[in-house]
Amino acid sequence: MKSKRPAPRRPEIGELPVWKAFVVQFSRDTRTRGGTFSGRIEHLNSGRRDRFGSKEELLASLDRMLDQLGENGV
């Protein structure tokens, strides 16, 4: 009689998956009170980078990169 092996389990996806980790680096000119908001963003897993010159550009870059990554970070 053959014993049944349990089906392999998919690894749990944590609340903060590593493939959605980013570094945001602000330029020395960034002044929130003065409205100057610039720097770069880098996706750690893929190395993709983008520069931003405003809050809106930062959010647009994040949105675009997350869209490209899809649900599984591919």
N, C-alpha and C. Protein backbone atom coordinates (compact mmCIF):
# COMPACT_ATOMS: atom_id res chain seq x y z
N MET A 1 0.83 -1.17 0.00
CA MET A 1 0.00 0.00 0.00
C MET A 1 0.89 1.25 0.00
N LYS A 2 0.62 2.13 -0.92
CA LYS A 2 1.40 3.36 -1.01
C LYS A 2 0.87 4.40 -0.04
N SER A 3 1.79 5.08 0.60
CA SER A 3 1.34 6.16 1.49
C SER A 3 1.23 7.44 0.68
N LYS A 4 0.23 8.21 1.00
CA LYS A 4 0.02 9.47 0.29
C LYS A 4 0.88 10.55 0.93
N ARG A 5 1.55 11.26 0.09
CA ARG A 5 2.33 12.41 0.57
C ARG A 5 1.42 13.62 0.59
N PRO A 6 1.60 14.45 1.58
CA PRO A 6 0.80 15.68 1.57
C PRO A 6 1.19 16.54 0.38
N ALA A 7 0.22 17.22 -0.15
CA ALA A 7 0.48 18.12 -1.28
C ALA A 7 1.45 19.20 -0.84
N PRO A 8 2.39 19.58 -1.71
CA PRO A 8 3.33 20.64 -1.33
C PRO A 8 2.57 21.93 -1.05
N ARG A 9 2.98 22.62 -0.02
CA ARG A 9 2.33 23.88 0.33
C ARG A 9 3.03 25.03 -0.35
N ARG A 10 2.24 25.96 -0.79
CA ARG A 10 2.81 27.20 -1.33
C ARG A 10 3.34 28.00 -0.16
N PRO A 11 4.50 28.60 -0.34
CA PRO A 11 5.00 29.43 0.75
C PRO A 11 4.03 30.57 1.02
N GLU A 12 3.88 30.89 2.27
CA GLU A 12 2.99 31.99 2.63
C GLU A 12 3.58 33.31 2.16
N ILE A 13 2.71 34.14 1.67
CA ILE A 13 3.13 35.47 1.26
C ILE A 13 2.88 36.39 2.44
N GLY A 14 3.94 36.95 2.93
CA GLY A 14 3.82 37.83 4.08
C GLY A 14 3.11 39.12 3.75
N GLU A 15 2.80 39.84 4.78
CA GLU A 15 2.11 41.11 4.61
C GLU A 15 2.97 42.11 3.84
N LEU A 16 4.30 42.00 4.00
CA LEU A 16 5.24 42.89 3.31
C LEU A 16 6.18 42.04 2.45
N PRO A 17 5.72 41.60 1.25
CA PRO A 17 6.55 40.74 0.42
C PRO A 17 7.81 41.46 -0.07
N VAL A 18 8.91 40.73 -0.11
CA VAL A 18 10.19 41.34 -0.47
C VAL A 18 10.22 41.86 -1.90
N TRP A 19 9.45 41.26 -2.79
CA TRP A 19 9.48 41.74 -4.17
C TRP A 19 8.75 43.08 -4.33
N LYS A 20 8.19 43.59 -3.27
CA LYS A 20 7.57 44.91 -3.33
C LYS A 20 8.34 45.92 -2.47
N ALA A 21 9.63 45.64 -2.25
CA ALA A 21 10.47 46.54 -1.44
C ALA A 21 11.15 47.57 -2.34
N PHE A 22 11.12 48.81 -1.90
CA PHE A 22 11.72 49.92 -2.63
C PHE A 22 12.60 50.74 -1.70
N VAL A 23 13.56 51.44 -2.31
CA VAL A 23 14.33 52.46 -1.60
C VAL A 23 13.95 53.79 -2.23
N VAL A 24 13.63 54.74 -1.39
CA VAL A 24 13.36 56.10 -1.87
C VAL A 24 14.45 56.99 -1.30
N GLN A 25 15.18 57.63 -2.19
CA GLN A 25 16.27 58.51 -1.78
C GLN A 25 15.92 59.93 -2.21
N PHE A 26 15.91 60.84 -1.24
CA PHE A 26 15.57 62.23 -1.53
C PHE A 26 16.84 63.03 -1.75
N SER A 27 16.77 63.97 -2.69
CA SER A 27 17.91 64.84 -2.96
C SER A 27 18.11 65.80 -1.80
N ARG A 28 19.29 66.36 -1.73
CA ARG A 28 19.55 67.32 -0.64
C ARG A 28 18.74 68.59 -0.80
N ASP A 29 18.21 68.83 -1.99
CA ASP A 29 17.40 70.03 -2.24
C ASP A 29 15.96 69.87 -1.77
N THR A 30 15.56 68.65 -1.39
CA THR A 30 14.17 68.41 -0.98
C THR A 30 13.83 69.23 0.26
N ARG A 31 12.78 70.00 0.13
CA ARG A 31 12.26 70.81 1.24
C ARG A 31 10.75 70.70 1.19
N THR A 32 10.16 70.00 2.12
CA THR A 32 8.71 69.81 2.06
C THR A 32 7.96 71.13 2.22
N ARG A 33 8.48 72.01 3.03
CA ARG A 33 7.80 73.31 3.22
C ARG A 33 7.95 74.20 1.99
N GLY A 34 9.06 74.08 1.30
CA GLY A 34 9.29 74.92 0.13
C GLY A 34 8.71 74.34 -1.15
N GLY A 35 8.19 73.12 -1.07
CA GLY A 35 7.58 72.51 -2.25
C GLY A 35 8.57 71.81 -3.16
N THR A 36 9.87 71.78 -2.79
CA THR A 36 10.85 71.07 -3.59
C THR A 36 10.90 69.63 -3.11
N PHE A 37 10.65 68.71 -4.01
CA PHE A 37 10.52 67.31 -3.66
C PHE A 37 11.11 66.49 -4.79
N SER A 38 12.34 66.02 -4.62
CA SER A 38 12.98 65.30 -5.73
C SER A 38 13.90 64.22 -5.20
N GLY A 39 14.26 63.29 -6.10
CA GLY A 39 15.16 62.21 -5.73
C GLY A 39 15.01 61.05 -6.69
N ARG A 40 15.22 59.85 -6.15
CA ARG A 40 15.08 58.66 -6.98
C ARG A 40 14.44 57.54 -6.19
N ILE A 41 13.89 56.58 -6.92
CA ILE A 41 13.27 55.40 -6.33
C ILE A 41 13.88 54.18 -7.01
N GLU A 42 14.15 53.13 -6.24
CA GLU A 42 14.72 51.90 -6.81
C GLU A 42 13.99 50.69 -6.25
N HIS A 43 13.61 49.81 -7.16
CA HIS A 43 13.00 48.54 -6.75
C HIS A 43 14.14 47.59 -6.42
N LEU A 44 14.20 47.12 -5.18
CA LEU A 44 15.35 46.34 -4.72
C LEU A 44 15.51 45.02 -5.44
N ASN A 45 14.43 44.33 -5.72
CA ASN A 45 14.51 43.00 -6.32
C ASN A 45 14.98 43.04 -7.77
N SER A 46 14.50 44.00 -8.54
CA SER A 46 14.82 44.04 -9.97
C SER A 46 15.91 45.05 -10.32
N GLY A 47 16.14 46.03 -9.44
CA GLY A 47 17.11 47.06 -9.74
C GLY A 47 16.56 48.19 -10.59
N ARG A 48 15.29 48.13 -10.94
CA ARG A 48 14.69 49.21 -11.74
C ARG A 48 14.73 50.50 -10.95
N ARG A 49 15.04 51.58 -11.66
CA ARG A 49 15.16 52.89 -11.00
C ARG A 49 14.39 53.94 -11.78
N ASP A 50 14.03 54.98 -11.07
CA ASP A 50 13.39 56.12 -11.71
C ASP A 50 13.68 57.36 -10.87
N ARG A 51 13.72 58.49 -11.51
CA ARG A 51 13.91 59.76 -10.80
C ARG A 51 12.57 60.47 -10.74
N PHE A 52 12.42 61.30 -9.72
CA PHE A 52 11.19 62.08 -9.58
C PHE A 52 11.54 63.50 -9.19
N GLY A 53 10.67 64.42 -9.57
CA GLY A 53 10.87 65.83 -9.26
C GLY A 53 9.71 66.44 -8.50
N SER A 54 8.76 65.58 -8.11
CA SER A 54 7.60 66.05 -7.34
C SER A 54 6.97 64.86 -6.64
N LYS A 55 6.08 65.16 -5.70
CA LYS A 55 5.35 64.08 -5.01
C LYS A 55 4.55 63.26 -6.02
N GLU A 56 3.94 63.97 -6.96
CA GLU A 56 3.12 63.31 -7.97
C GLU A 56 3.95 62.35 -8.83
N GLU A 57 5.17 62.77 -9.20
CA GLU A 57 6.04 61.91 -10.01
C GLU A 57 6.49 60.68 -9.21
N LEU A 58 6.75 60.85 -7.91
CA LEU A 58 7.12 59.72 -7.06
C LEU A 58 5.99 58.70 -7.04
N LEU A 59 4.77 59.16 -6.79
CA LEU A 59 3.63 58.25 -6.75
C LEU A 59 3.37 57.60 -8.10
N ALA A 60 3.56 58.35 -9.18
CA ALA A 60 3.38 57.79 -10.52
C ALA A 60 4.42 56.71 -10.79
N SER A 61 5.66 56.93 -10.37
CA SER A 61 6.72 55.92 -10.54
C SER A 61 6.40 54.65 -9.77
N LEU A 62 5.98 54.81 -8.52
CA LEU A 62 5.59 53.66 -7.70
C LEU A 62 4.45 52.89 -8.36
N ASP A 63 3.46 53.60 -8.80
CA ASP A 63 2.30 52.99 -9.45
C ASP A 63 2.73 52.20 -10.68
N ARG A 64 3.57 52.81 -11.51
CA ARG A 64 4.05 52.17 -12.74
C ARG A 64 4.86 50.91 -12.42
N MET A 65 5.79 51.01 -11.47
CA MET A 65 6.64 49.87 -11.13
C MET A 65 5.83 48.72 -10.52
N LEU A 66 4.92 49.04 -9.63
CA LEU A 66 4.08 48.00 -9.03
C LEU A 66 3.21 47.33 -10.08
N ASP A 67 2.73 48.11 -11.03
CA ASP A 67 1.93 47.57 -12.13
C ASP A 67 2.76 46.59 -12.95
N GLN A 68 4.01 46.95 -13.25
CA GLN A 68 4.91 46.09 -14.03
C GLN A 68 5.25 44.81 -13.29
N LEU A 69 5.33 44.87 -11.96
CA LEU A 69 5.68 43.71 -11.16
C LEU A 69 4.56 42.69 -11.11
N GLY A 70 3.35 43.13 -11.21
CA GLY A 70 2.21 42.23 -11.10
C GLY A 70 2.04 41.73 -9.67
N GLU A 71 1.27 40.71 -9.51
CA GLU A 71 0.95 40.19 -8.19
C GLU A 71 2.06 39.37 -7.58
N ASN A 72 2.91 38.77 -8.40
CA ASN A 72 3.94 37.85 -7.87
C ASN A 72 5.35 38.38 -8.00
N GLY A 73 5.50 39.62 -8.35
CA GLY A 73 6.82 40.19 -8.44
C GLY A 73 7.60 39.78 -9.68
N VAL A 74 6.89 39.27 -10.67
CA VAL A 74 7.56 38.80 -11.88
C VAL A 74 7.75 39.95 -12.83
